[in-house]
N, C-alpha and C. Protein backbone atom coordinates (compact mmCIF):
# COMPACT_ATOMS: atom_id res chain seq x y z
N UNK A 1 73.59 131.38 95.57
CA UNK A 1 75.03 131.32 95.71
C UNK A 1 75.41 130.23 96.70
N UNK A 2 76.42 129.47 96.33
CA UNK A 2 76.87 128.37 97.18
C UNK A 2 77.66 128.91 98.37
N UNK A 3 77.35 128.40 99.54
CA UNK A 3 78.12 128.78 100.72
C UNK A 3 79.44 128.01 100.70
N UNK A 4 80.35 128.42 101.58
CA UNK A 4 81.64 127.75 101.65
C UNK A 4 81.47 126.28 102.03
N UNK A 5 80.53 126.01 102.93
CA UNK A 5 80.26 124.64 103.35
C UNK A 5 79.66 123.82 102.21
N UNK A 6 78.73 124.41 101.46
CA UNK A 6 78.14 123.71 100.32
C UNK A 6 79.19 123.38 99.27
N UNK A 7 80.08 124.31 98.99
CA UNK A 7 81.16 124.08 98.04
C UNK A 7 82.06 122.94 98.53
N UNK A 8 82.41 122.98 99.81
CA UNK A 8 83.25 121.93 100.39
C UNK A 8 82.56 120.57 100.31
N UNK A 9 81.28 120.53 100.65
CA UNK A 9 80.52 119.27 100.58
C UNK A 9 80.44 118.76 99.15
N UNK A 10 80.24 119.66 98.19
CA UNK A 10 80.18 119.25 96.79
C UNK A 10 81.50 118.63 96.36
N UNK A 11 82.61 119.29 96.69
CA UNK A 11 83.93 118.78 96.28
C UNK A 11 84.21 117.42 96.92
N UNK A 12 83.80 117.23 98.17
CA UNK A 12 83.99 115.94 98.83
C UNK A 12 83.16 114.86 98.14
N UNK A 13 81.99 115.24 97.65
CA UNK A 13 81.11 114.24 97.04
C UNK A 13 81.58 113.79 95.66
N UNK A 14 82.40 114.58 94.99
CA UNK A 14 82.82 114.22 93.62
C UNK A 14 84.27 113.77 93.52
N UNK A 15 85.04 113.88 94.58
CA UNK A 15 86.48 113.66 94.45
C UNK A 15 86.86 112.24 94.02
N UNK A 16 86.26 111.22 94.60
CA UNK A 16 86.66 109.84 94.27
C UNK A 16 86.27 109.46 92.85
N UNK A 17 85.03 109.79 92.46
CA UNK A 17 84.61 109.45 91.10
C UNK A 17 85.40 110.23 90.07
N UNK A 18 85.67 111.49 90.35
CA UNK A 18 86.45 112.30 89.42
C UNK A 18 87.86 111.74 89.28
N UNK A 19 88.43 111.30 90.39
CA UNK A 19 89.78 110.72 90.35
C UNK A 19 89.78 109.44 89.51
N UNK A 20 88.84 108.55 89.76
CA UNK A 20 88.81 107.29 89.01
C UNK A 20 88.57 107.53 87.53
N UNK A 21 87.68 108.45 87.21
CA UNK A 21 87.43 108.76 85.81
C UNK A 21 88.68 109.31 85.14
N UNK A 22 89.40 110.16 85.84
CA UNK A 22 90.61 110.75 85.29
C UNK A 22 91.71 109.72 85.14
N UNK A 23 91.80 108.78 86.07
CA UNK A 23 92.78 107.70 85.94
C UNK A 23 92.50 106.90 84.68
N UNK A 24 91.23 106.67 84.37
CA UNK A 24 90.89 105.97 83.13
C UNK A 24 91.41 106.73 81.92
N UNK A 25 91.33 108.04 81.96
CA UNK A 25 91.76 108.85 80.82
C UNK A 25 93.27 108.91 80.68
N UNK A 26 93.96 109.26 81.75
CA UNK A 26 95.40 109.53 81.64
C UNK A 26 96.27 108.33 81.98
N UNK A 27 95.69 107.32 82.62
CA UNK A 27 96.40 106.09 82.97
C UNK A 27 97.64 106.34 83.83
N UNK A 28 97.53 107.32 84.70
CA UNK A 28 98.62 107.67 85.61
C UNK A 28 97.97 108.25 86.86
N UNK A 29 98.07 107.55 87.98
CA UNK A 29 97.37 107.97 89.19
C UNK A 29 97.86 109.33 89.71
N UNK A 30 99.17 109.58 89.67
CA UNK A 30 99.69 110.86 90.16
C UNK A 30 99.20 112.01 89.30
N UNK A 31 99.24 111.84 87.99
CA UNK A 31 98.75 112.88 87.09
C UNK A 31 97.25 113.09 87.30
N UNK A 32 96.51 112.00 87.48
CA UNK A 32 95.07 112.11 87.70
C UNK A 32 94.77 112.90 88.97
N UNK A 33 95.53 112.64 90.02
CA UNK A 33 95.34 113.37 91.28
C UNK A 33 95.61 114.86 91.06
N UNK A 34 96.68 115.19 90.34
CA UNK A 34 96.98 116.60 90.05
C UNK A 34 95.87 117.25 89.25
N UNK A 35 95.37 116.56 88.26
CA UNK A 35 94.31 117.11 87.40
C UNK A 35 93.05 117.39 88.22
N UNK A 36 92.66 116.44 89.05
CA UNK A 36 91.45 116.62 89.87
C UNK A 36 91.64 117.76 90.85
N UNK A 37 92.80 117.83 91.48
CA UNK A 37 93.06 118.92 92.43
C UNK A 37 93.05 120.27 91.72
N UNK A 38 93.68 120.36 90.55
CA UNK A 38 93.66 121.61 89.79
C UNK A 38 92.24 122.00 89.42
N UNK A 39 91.44 121.03 89.03
CA UNK A 39 90.05 121.30 88.66
C UNK A 39 89.26 121.82 89.86
N UNK A 40 89.47 121.23 91.01
CA UNK A 40 88.76 121.68 92.21
C UNK A 40 89.18 123.10 92.60
N UNK A 41 90.46 123.39 92.49
CA UNK A 41 90.94 124.73 92.81
C UNK A 41 90.34 125.75 91.85
N UNK A 42 90.33 125.43 90.56
CA UNK A 42 89.75 126.35 89.57
C UNK A 42 88.27 126.59 89.84
N UNK A 43 87.55 125.53 90.18
CA UNK A 43 86.13 125.67 90.49
C UNK A 43 85.95 126.61 91.68
N UNK A 44 86.72 126.38 92.73
CA UNK A 44 86.58 127.19 93.94
C UNK A 44 86.98 128.65 93.69
N UNK A 45 88.07 128.86 92.94
CA UNK A 45 88.55 130.22 92.70
C UNK A 45 87.64 131.01 91.78
N UNK A 46 87.19 130.38 90.71
CA UNK A 46 86.47 131.13 89.67
C UNK A 46 84.95 131.01 89.73
N UNK A 47 84.45 129.92 90.33
CA UNK A 47 83.01 129.70 90.29
C UNK A 47 82.42 129.40 91.66
N UNK A 48 83.16 129.62 92.71
CA UNK A 48 82.68 129.34 94.05
C UNK A 48 81.46 130.15 94.45
N UNK A 49 81.23 131.25 93.74
CA UNK A 49 80.09 132.10 94.07
C UNK A 49 78.84 131.75 93.26
N UNK A 50 78.92 130.72 92.43
CA UNK A 50 77.76 130.30 91.61
C UNK A 50 76.78 129.50 92.46
N UNK A 51 75.52 129.41 92.01
CA UNK A 51 74.53 128.60 92.74
C UNK A 51 74.97 127.13 92.78
N UNK A 52 74.63 126.45 93.85
CA UNK A 52 75.06 125.07 94.07
C UNK A 52 74.63 124.14 92.95
N UNK A 53 73.47 124.38 92.35
CA UNK A 53 72.99 123.49 91.29
C UNK A 53 73.79 123.62 89.99
N UNK A 54 74.58 124.66 89.84
CA UNK A 54 75.41 124.84 88.65
C UNK A 54 76.79 124.21 88.81
N UNK A 55 77.18 123.88 90.02
CA UNK A 55 78.52 123.37 90.28
C UNK A 55 78.84 122.04 89.59
N UNK A 56 77.92 121.06 89.56
CA UNK A 56 78.27 119.79 88.90
C UNK A 56 78.67 119.96 87.43
N UNK A 57 77.91 120.73 86.70
CA UNK A 57 78.22 120.92 85.27
C UNK A 57 79.51 121.71 85.10
N UNK A 58 79.69 122.74 85.90
CA UNK A 58 80.92 123.52 85.82
C UNK A 58 82.14 122.66 86.14
N UNK A 59 82.02 121.83 87.18
CA UNK A 59 83.14 120.99 87.56
C UNK A 59 83.47 119.98 86.46
N UNK A 60 82.45 119.37 85.86
CA UNK A 60 82.70 118.39 84.80
C UNK A 60 83.41 119.05 83.62
N UNK A 61 83.00 120.24 83.28
CA UNK A 61 83.63 120.97 82.17
C UNK A 61 85.08 121.33 82.51
N UNK A 62 85.31 121.82 83.71
CA UNK A 62 86.67 122.17 84.14
C UNK A 62 87.55 120.92 84.15
N UNK A 63 87.02 119.82 84.67
CA UNK A 63 87.78 118.57 84.73
C UNK A 63 88.14 118.09 83.32
N UNK A 64 87.20 118.15 82.41
CA UNK A 64 87.47 117.76 81.02
C UNK A 64 88.54 118.65 80.40
N UNK A 65 88.44 119.95 80.63
CA UNK A 65 89.43 120.88 80.07
C UNK A 65 90.81 120.67 80.68
N UNK A 66 90.88 120.43 81.97
CA UNK A 66 92.17 120.17 82.62
C UNK A 66 92.79 118.87 82.10
N UNK A 67 91.96 117.87 81.84
CA UNK A 67 92.46 116.61 81.29
C UNK A 67 93.01 116.83 79.88
N UNK A 68 92.27 117.58 79.07
CA UNK A 68 92.75 117.89 77.71
C UNK A 68 94.04 118.70 77.76
N UNK A 69 94.13 119.63 78.69
CA UNK A 69 95.37 120.41 78.85
C UNK A 69 96.54 119.50 79.20
N UNK A 70 96.30 118.51 80.05
CA UNK A 70 97.35 117.58 80.43
C UNK A 70 97.84 116.81 79.19
N UNK A 71 96.89 116.35 78.37
CA UNK A 71 97.28 115.64 77.15
C UNK A 71 98.06 116.55 76.20
N UNK A 72 97.67 117.80 76.11
CA UNK A 72 98.40 118.75 75.26
C UNK A 72 99.83 118.94 75.77
N UNK A 73 99.96 119.08 77.08
CA UNK A 73 101.31 119.22 77.66
C UNK A 73 102.15 117.98 77.41
N UNK A 74 101.54 116.81 77.52
CA UNK A 74 102.27 115.57 77.26
C UNK A 74 102.72 115.51 75.81
N UNK A 75 101.85 115.90 74.91
CA UNK A 75 102.19 115.89 73.49
C UNK A 75 103.35 116.85 73.21
N UNK A 76 103.29 118.03 73.79
CA UNK A 76 104.37 119.01 73.61
C UNK A 76 105.66 118.50 74.21
N UNK A 77 105.57 117.96 75.40
CA UNK A 77 106.77 117.43 76.06
C UNK A 77 107.39 116.31 75.24
N UNK A 78 106.56 115.43 74.71
CA UNK A 78 107.08 114.33 73.90
C UNK A 78 107.70 114.82 72.61
N UNK A 79 107.17 115.90 72.08
CA UNK A 79 107.73 116.45 70.84
C UNK A 79 109.06 117.17 71.10
N UNK A 80 109.21 117.75 72.29
CA UNK A 80 110.40 118.54 72.59
C UNK A 80 111.60 117.70 73.00
N UNK A 81 111.34 116.59 73.68
CA UNK A 81 112.44 115.80 74.22
C UNK A 81 112.60 114.51 73.43
N UNK A 82 113.80 114.24 72.99
CA UNK A 82 114.03 113.02 72.23
C UNK A 82 114.22 111.84 73.15
N UNK A 83 114.82 112.05 74.29
CA UNK A 83 115.01 110.97 75.25
C UNK A 83 114.08 111.22 76.42
N UNK A 84 113.01 110.47 76.47
CA UNK A 84 112.01 110.71 77.52
C UNK A 84 112.25 109.86 78.75
N UNK A 85 113.27 109.04 78.76
CA UNK A 85 113.47 108.12 79.88
C UNK A 85 113.61 108.85 81.21
N UNK A 86 114.18 110.06 81.21
CA UNK A 86 114.34 110.81 82.45
C UNK A 86 113.07 111.54 82.87
N UNK A 87 112.12 111.67 81.94
CA UNK A 87 110.95 112.49 82.22
C UNK A 87 109.67 111.69 82.35
N UNK A 88 109.65 110.45 81.91
CA UNK A 88 108.43 109.66 81.96
C UNK A 88 108.11 109.27 83.39
N UNK A 89 106.84 109.28 83.71
CA UNK A 89 106.43 108.80 85.02
C UNK A 89 106.23 107.30 84.90
N UNK A 90 106.41 106.63 86.00
CA UNK A 90 106.18 105.18 85.95
C UNK A 90 104.68 104.95 85.88
N UNK A 91 104.28 104.14 84.93
CA UNK A 91 102.86 103.84 84.76
C UNK A 91 102.63 102.44 85.30
N UNK A 92 102.32 102.35 86.57
CA UNK A 92 102.17 101.07 87.25
C UNK A 92 100.83 100.46 86.90
N UNK A 93 100.87 99.36 86.19
CA UNK A 93 99.63 98.68 85.84
C UNK A 93 99.55 97.35 86.59
N UNK A 94 99.94 97.38 87.84
CA UNK A 94 99.96 96.16 88.63
C UNK A 94 98.58 95.77 89.14
N UNK A 95 97.58 96.59 88.85
CA UNK A 95 96.23 96.26 89.29
C UNK A 95 95.81 96.97 90.55
N UNK A 96 96.56 97.97 91.00
CA UNK A 96 96.19 98.68 92.21
C UNK A 96 94.87 99.42 92.05
N UNK A 97 94.53 99.81 90.85
CA UNK A 97 93.29 100.51 90.59
C UNK A 97 92.19 99.47 90.47
N UNK A 98 91.29 99.43 91.42
CA UNK A 98 90.35 98.33 91.54
C UNK A 98 88.92 98.81 91.40
N UNK A 99 88.21 98.29 90.41
CA UNK A 99 86.82 98.65 90.21
C UNK A 99 85.92 98.14 91.33
N UNK A 100 86.38 97.17 92.10
CA UNK A 100 85.56 96.65 93.18
C UNK A 100 85.26 97.69 94.25
N UNK A 101 86.07 98.75 94.32
CA UNK A 101 85.79 99.81 95.28
C UNK A 101 84.43 100.44 95.03
N UNK A 102 84.00 100.45 93.80
CA UNK A 102 82.71 101.02 93.45
C UNK A 102 81.60 100.27 94.17
N UNK A 103 81.76 98.97 94.22
CA UNK A 103 80.71 98.12 94.76
C UNK A 103 80.91 97.78 96.23
N UNK A 104 81.90 98.39 96.88
CA UNK A 104 82.21 98.01 98.24
C UNK A 104 81.07 98.31 99.20
N UNK A 105 80.30 99.33 98.93
CA UNK A 105 79.20 99.66 99.82
C UNK A 105 77.95 98.85 99.51
N UNK A 106 77.92 98.21 98.32
CA UNK A 106 76.76 97.42 97.92
C UNK A 106 77.03 95.95 98.18
N UNK A 107 76.08 95.26 98.69
CA UNK A 107 76.13 93.82 98.77
C UNK A 107 77.23 93.25 99.65
N UNK A 108 77.58 93.91 100.75
CA UNK A 108 78.61 93.36 101.63
C UNK A 108 78.19 92.00 102.20
N UNK A 109 76.90 91.85 102.51
CA UNK A 109 76.42 90.57 103.04
C UNK A 109 76.53 89.49 101.96
N UNK A 110 76.23 89.84 100.73
CA UNK A 110 76.29 88.90 99.64
C UNK A 110 77.72 88.42 99.43
N UNK A 111 78.71 89.32 99.56
CA UNK A 111 80.10 88.95 99.37
C UNK A 111 80.55 87.93 100.41
N UNK A 112 80.03 88.05 101.62
CA UNK A 112 80.43 87.13 102.68
C UNK A 112 79.93 85.72 102.38
N UNK A 113 78.79 85.59 101.69
CA UNK A 113 78.24 84.27 101.41
C UNK A 113 78.76 83.69 100.09
N UNK A 114 79.44 84.49 99.27
CA UNK A 114 79.99 83.99 98.02
C UNK A 114 81.24 83.17 98.29
N UNK A 115 81.46 82.20 97.43
CA UNK A 115 82.67 81.40 97.59
C UNK A 115 83.88 82.20 97.13
N UNK A 116 85.05 81.75 97.52
CA UNK A 116 86.29 82.41 97.11
C UNK A 116 86.43 82.38 95.60
N UNK A 117 85.99 81.28 95.00
CA UNK A 117 86.06 81.17 93.53
C UNK A 117 85.19 82.22 92.86
N UNK A 118 83.99 82.46 93.39
CA UNK A 118 83.10 83.48 92.83
C UNK A 118 83.71 84.87 92.95
N UNK A 119 84.33 85.16 94.09
CA UNK A 119 84.95 86.47 94.30
C UNK A 119 86.13 86.68 93.36
N UNK A 120 86.94 85.65 93.18
CA UNK A 120 88.08 85.75 92.26
C UNK A 120 87.59 85.96 90.84
N UNK A 121 86.57 85.21 90.45
CA UNK A 121 86.01 85.34 89.08
C UNK A 121 85.44 86.75 88.88
N UNK A 122 84.76 87.26 89.91
CA UNK A 122 84.19 88.61 89.81
C UNK A 122 85.29 89.65 89.64
N UNK A 123 86.37 89.50 90.40
CA UNK A 123 87.49 90.43 90.26
C UNK A 123 88.10 90.34 88.87
N UNK A 124 88.22 89.14 88.34
CA UNK A 124 88.78 88.97 87.01
C UNK A 124 87.90 89.62 85.95
N UNK A 125 86.61 89.44 86.07
CA UNK A 125 85.68 90.04 85.10
C UNK A 125 85.74 91.55 85.17
N UNK A 126 85.73 92.10 86.38
CA UNK A 126 85.80 93.56 86.52
C UNK A 126 87.12 94.10 85.98
N UNK A 127 88.20 93.37 86.17
CA UNK A 127 89.51 93.79 85.63
C UNK A 127 89.47 93.78 84.10
N UNK A 128 88.84 92.78 83.51
CA UNK A 128 88.71 92.72 82.05
C UNK A 128 87.88 93.90 81.54
N UNK A 129 86.81 94.22 82.25
CA UNK A 129 85.97 95.36 81.86
C UNK A 129 86.79 96.65 81.95
N UNK A 130 87.52 96.80 83.04
CA UNK A 130 88.37 97.99 83.21
C UNK A 130 89.37 98.11 82.07
N UNK A 131 90.02 97.00 81.72
CA UNK A 131 91.00 97.02 80.63
C UNK A 131 90.36 97.42 79.31
N UNK A 132 89.18 96.90 79.03
CA UNK A 132 88.50 97.23 77.77
C UNK A 132 88.05 98.69 77.74
N UNK A 133 87.63 99.23 78.88
CA UNK A 133 87.26 100.66 78.94
C UNK A 133 88.48 101.52 78.65
N UNK A 134 89.63 101.14 79.17
CA UNK A 134 90.86 101.90 78.94
C UNK A 134 91.27 101.87 77.47
N UNK A 135 90.88 100.84 76.74
CA UNK A 135 91.25 100.72 75.33
C UNK A 135 90.34 101.52 74.40
N UNK A 136 89.23 102.03 74.92
CA UNK A 136 88.31 102.81 74.08
C UNK A 136 89.00 104.09 73.61
N UNK A 137 88.64 104.59 72.42
CA UNK A 137 89.14 105.90 72.00
C UNK A 137 88.74 106.97 73.03
N UNK A 138 89.53 108.02 73.10
CA UNK A 138 89.38 109.03 74.16
C UNK A 138 87.97 109.59 74.26
N UNK A 139 87.40 110.05 73.16
CA UNK A 139 86.06 110.67 73.22
C UNK A 139 84.99 109.65 73.58
N UNK A 140 85.11 108.43 73.08
CA UNK A 140 84.15 107.39 73.45
C UNK A 140 84.24 107.07 74.93
N UNK A 141 85.47 106.95 75.44
CA UNK A 141 85.68 106.65 76.85
C UNK A 141 85.11 107.79 77.71
N UNK A 142 85.37 109.03 77.30
CA UNK A 142 84.88 110.18 78.06
C UNK A 142 83.35 110.19 78.10
N UNK A 143 82.71 110.01 76.95
CA UNK A 143 81.25 110.00 76.90
C UNK A 143 80.68 108.84 77.71
N UNK A 144 81.27 107.67 77.55
CA UNK A 144 80.81 106.47 78.26
C UNK A 144 80.89 106.68 79.77
N UNK A 145 82.02 107.17 80.26
CA UNK A 145 82.20 107.35 81.70
C UNK A 145 81.27 108.42 82.26
N UNK A 146 81.07 109.50 81.52
CA UNK A 146 80.17 110.54 82.01
C UNK A 146 78.72 110.03 82.07
N UNK A 147 78.31 109.31 81.03
CA UNK A 147 76.93 108.85 80.98
C UNK A 147 76.66 107.72 81.97
N UNK A 148 77.56 106.73 82.03
CA UNK A 148 77.24 105.53 82.79
C UNK A 148 77.97 105.43 84.12
N UNK A 149 79.05 106.15 84.30
CA UNK A 149 79.77 106.16 85.57
C UNK A 149 79.29 107.34 86.41
N UNK A 150 79.31 108.52 85.78
CA UNK A 150 78.88 109.73 86.48
C UNK A 150 77.37 109.88 86.48
N UNK A 151 76.66 109.07 85.69
CA UNK A 151 75.20 109.09 85.58
C UNK A 151 74.67 110.45 85.14
N UNK A 152 75.40 111.08 84.24
CA UNK A 152 74.95 112.36 83.69
C UNK A 152 74.01 112.07 82.53
N UNK A 153 73.03 112.97 82.30
CA UNK A 153 72.16 112.76 81.15
C UNK A 153 72.87 113.24 79.88
N UNK A 154 72.22 113.03 78.73
CA UNK A 154 72.85 113.34 77.45
C UNK A 154 73.18 114.83 77.34
N UNK A 155 72.26 115.70 77.76
CA UNK A 155 72.47 117.15 77.67
C UNK A 155 73.65 117.59 78.55
N UNK A 156 73.72 117.06 79.76
CA UNK A 156 74.83 117.42 80.65
C UNK A 156 76.16 116.94 80.08
N UNK A 157 76.17 115.73 79.55
CA UNK A 157 77.39 115.18 78.97
C UNK A 157 77.84 116.00 77.78
N UNK A 158 76.88 116.38 76.92
CA UNK A 158 77.21 117.20 75.75
C UNK A 158 77.79 118.54 76.18
N UNK A 159 77.21 119.15 77.19
CA UNK A 159 77.72 120.44 77.68
C UNK A 159 79.12 120.29 78.25
N UNK A 160 79.35 119.22 79.01
CA UNK A 160 80.66 119.01 79.62
C UNK A 160 81.73 118.69 78.57
N UNK A 161 81.33 117.97 77.51
CA UNK A 161 82.29 117.59 76.47
C UNK A 161 82.44 118.65 75.39
N UNK A 162 81.53 119.62 75.38
CA UNK A 162 81.59 120.66 74.37
C UNK A 162 81.23 120.16 72.97
N UNK A 163 80.23 119.28 72.91
CA UNK A 163 79.79 118.75 71.62
C UNK A 163 78.27 118.64 71.62
N UNK A 164 77.72 118.17 70.53
CA UNK A 164 76.26 118.06 70.43
C UNK A 164 75.77 116.81 71.15
N UNK A 165 74.47 116.79 71.44
CA UNK A 165 73.88 115.62 72.08
C UNK A 165 73.97 114.41 71.16
N UNK A 166 73.83 114.64 69.86
CA UNK A 166 73.95 113.55 68.89
C UNK A 166 75.34 112.91 68.93
N UNK A 167 76.37 113.74 69.10
CA UNK A 167 77.73 113.21 69.19
C UNK A 167 77.89 112.36 70.44
N UNK A 168 77.31 112.80 71.54
CA UNK A 168 77.37 112.02 72.79
C UNK A 168 76.72 110.66 72.57
N UNK A 169 75.55 110.64 71.96
CA UNK A 169 74.84 109.38 71.70
C UNK A 169 75.67 108.47 70.81
N UNK A 170 76.29 109.05 69.79
CA UNK A 170 77.13 108.27 68.87
C UNK A 170 78.33 107.69 69.60
N UNK A 171 79.02 108.52 70.39
CA UNK A 171 80.18 108.05 71.14
C UNK A 171 79.79 106.92 72.10
N UNK A 172 78.68 107.09 72.81
CA UNK A 172 78.23 106.07 73.76
C UNK A 172 77.85 104.78 73.04
N UNK A 173 77.14 104.91 71.94
CA UNK A 173 76.74 103.72 71.17
C UNK A 173 77.96 102.95 70.71
N UNK A 174 78.92 103.66 70.15
CA UNK A 174 80.13 103.01 69.67
C UNK A 174 80.92 102.37 70.81
N UNK A 175 80.98 103.06 71.94
CA UNK A 175 81.68 102.51 73.11
C UNK A 175 81.02 101.22 73.58
N UNK A 176 79.71 101.22 73.66
CA UNK A 176 78.98 100.03 74.11
C UNK A 176 79.17 98.89 73.13
N UNK A 177 79.10 99.19 71.84
CA UNK A 177 79.30 98.16 70.81
C UNK A 177 80.70 97.55 70.93
N UNK A 178 81.71 98.41 71.07
CA UNK A 178 83.10 97.96 71.18
C UNK A 178 83.30 97.12 72.43
N UNK A 179 82.79 97.60 73.55
CA UNK A 179 82.91 96.85 74.81
C UNK A 179 82.19 95.51 74.73
N UNK A 180 81.01 95.52 74.17
CA UNK A 180 80.23 94.29 74.06
C UNK A 180 80.96 93.24 73.22
N UNK A 181 81.48 93.65 72.07
CA UNK A 181 82.22 92.71 71.20
C UNK A 181 83.47 92.18 71.89
N UNK A 182 84.22 93.09 72.50
CA UNK A 182 85.49 92.69 73.14
C UNK A 182 85.22 91.73 74.31
N UNK A 183 84.22 92.03 75.11
CA UNK A 183 83.93 91.17 76.26
C UNK A 183 83.34 89.85 75.83
N UNK A 184 82.49 89.87 74.80
CA UNK A 184 81.90 88.63 74.29
C UNK A 184 83.00 87.73 73.74
N UNK A 185 84.00 88.32 73.08
CA UNK A 185 85.12 87.55 72.54
C UNK A 185 85.91 86.88 73.66
N UNK A 186 85.87 87.44 74.85
CA UNK A 186 86.56 86.86 76.00
C UNK A 186 85.66 85.96 76.83
N UNK A 187 84.43 85.75 76.33
CA UNK A 187 83.50 84.86 77.02
C UNK A 187 82.75 85.50 78.17
N UNK A 188 82.73 86.84 78.19
CA UNK A 188 82.04 87.54 79.27
C UNK A 188 80.73 88.08 78.72
N UNK A 189 79.63 87.58 79.28
CA UNK A 189 78.30 88.03 78.88
C UNK A 189 77.73 88.87 80.00
N UNK A 190 77.31 90.08 79.67
CA UNK A 190 76.76 90.98 80.70
C UNK A 190 75.26 91.07 80.60
């Protein structure tokens, strides 16, 4: 059984990645923050007494379900209201969401020796990658992010997504193919 401190440490360790993953899905930072917070509360309330090694899978499943619930609510809201101008949240795509935060702890010395041109080019490439990930179909994006961002194995991803391992492999393959073609068309070779 997880102690209160272990649960707290676990939640601290997953909050940033869960938030970024959710922002990719819902494309709204405020909604993503709400979804992650709701997921953490549900984990603590309903599964806080589970062994610590079960928490990552439970949290991923809860996060996925909360994200799907958010999409369902959006769909219902859009169907109910004809004029959404008063209810839509502003979706700021000014670039505040920066993939470089992922790499901030890696290669700090290397960044200091890179030229300004190299740093700008790197930011542009990462922004293009981010944009292409956002354009992936929902299930492909979810599988891709769990496998390669969250570094979950195929079985864990399948359990979190509620599908077969074969489906996870198919979604990931298609996502990689789509990303590769889109980035190659823009002259980005990875």
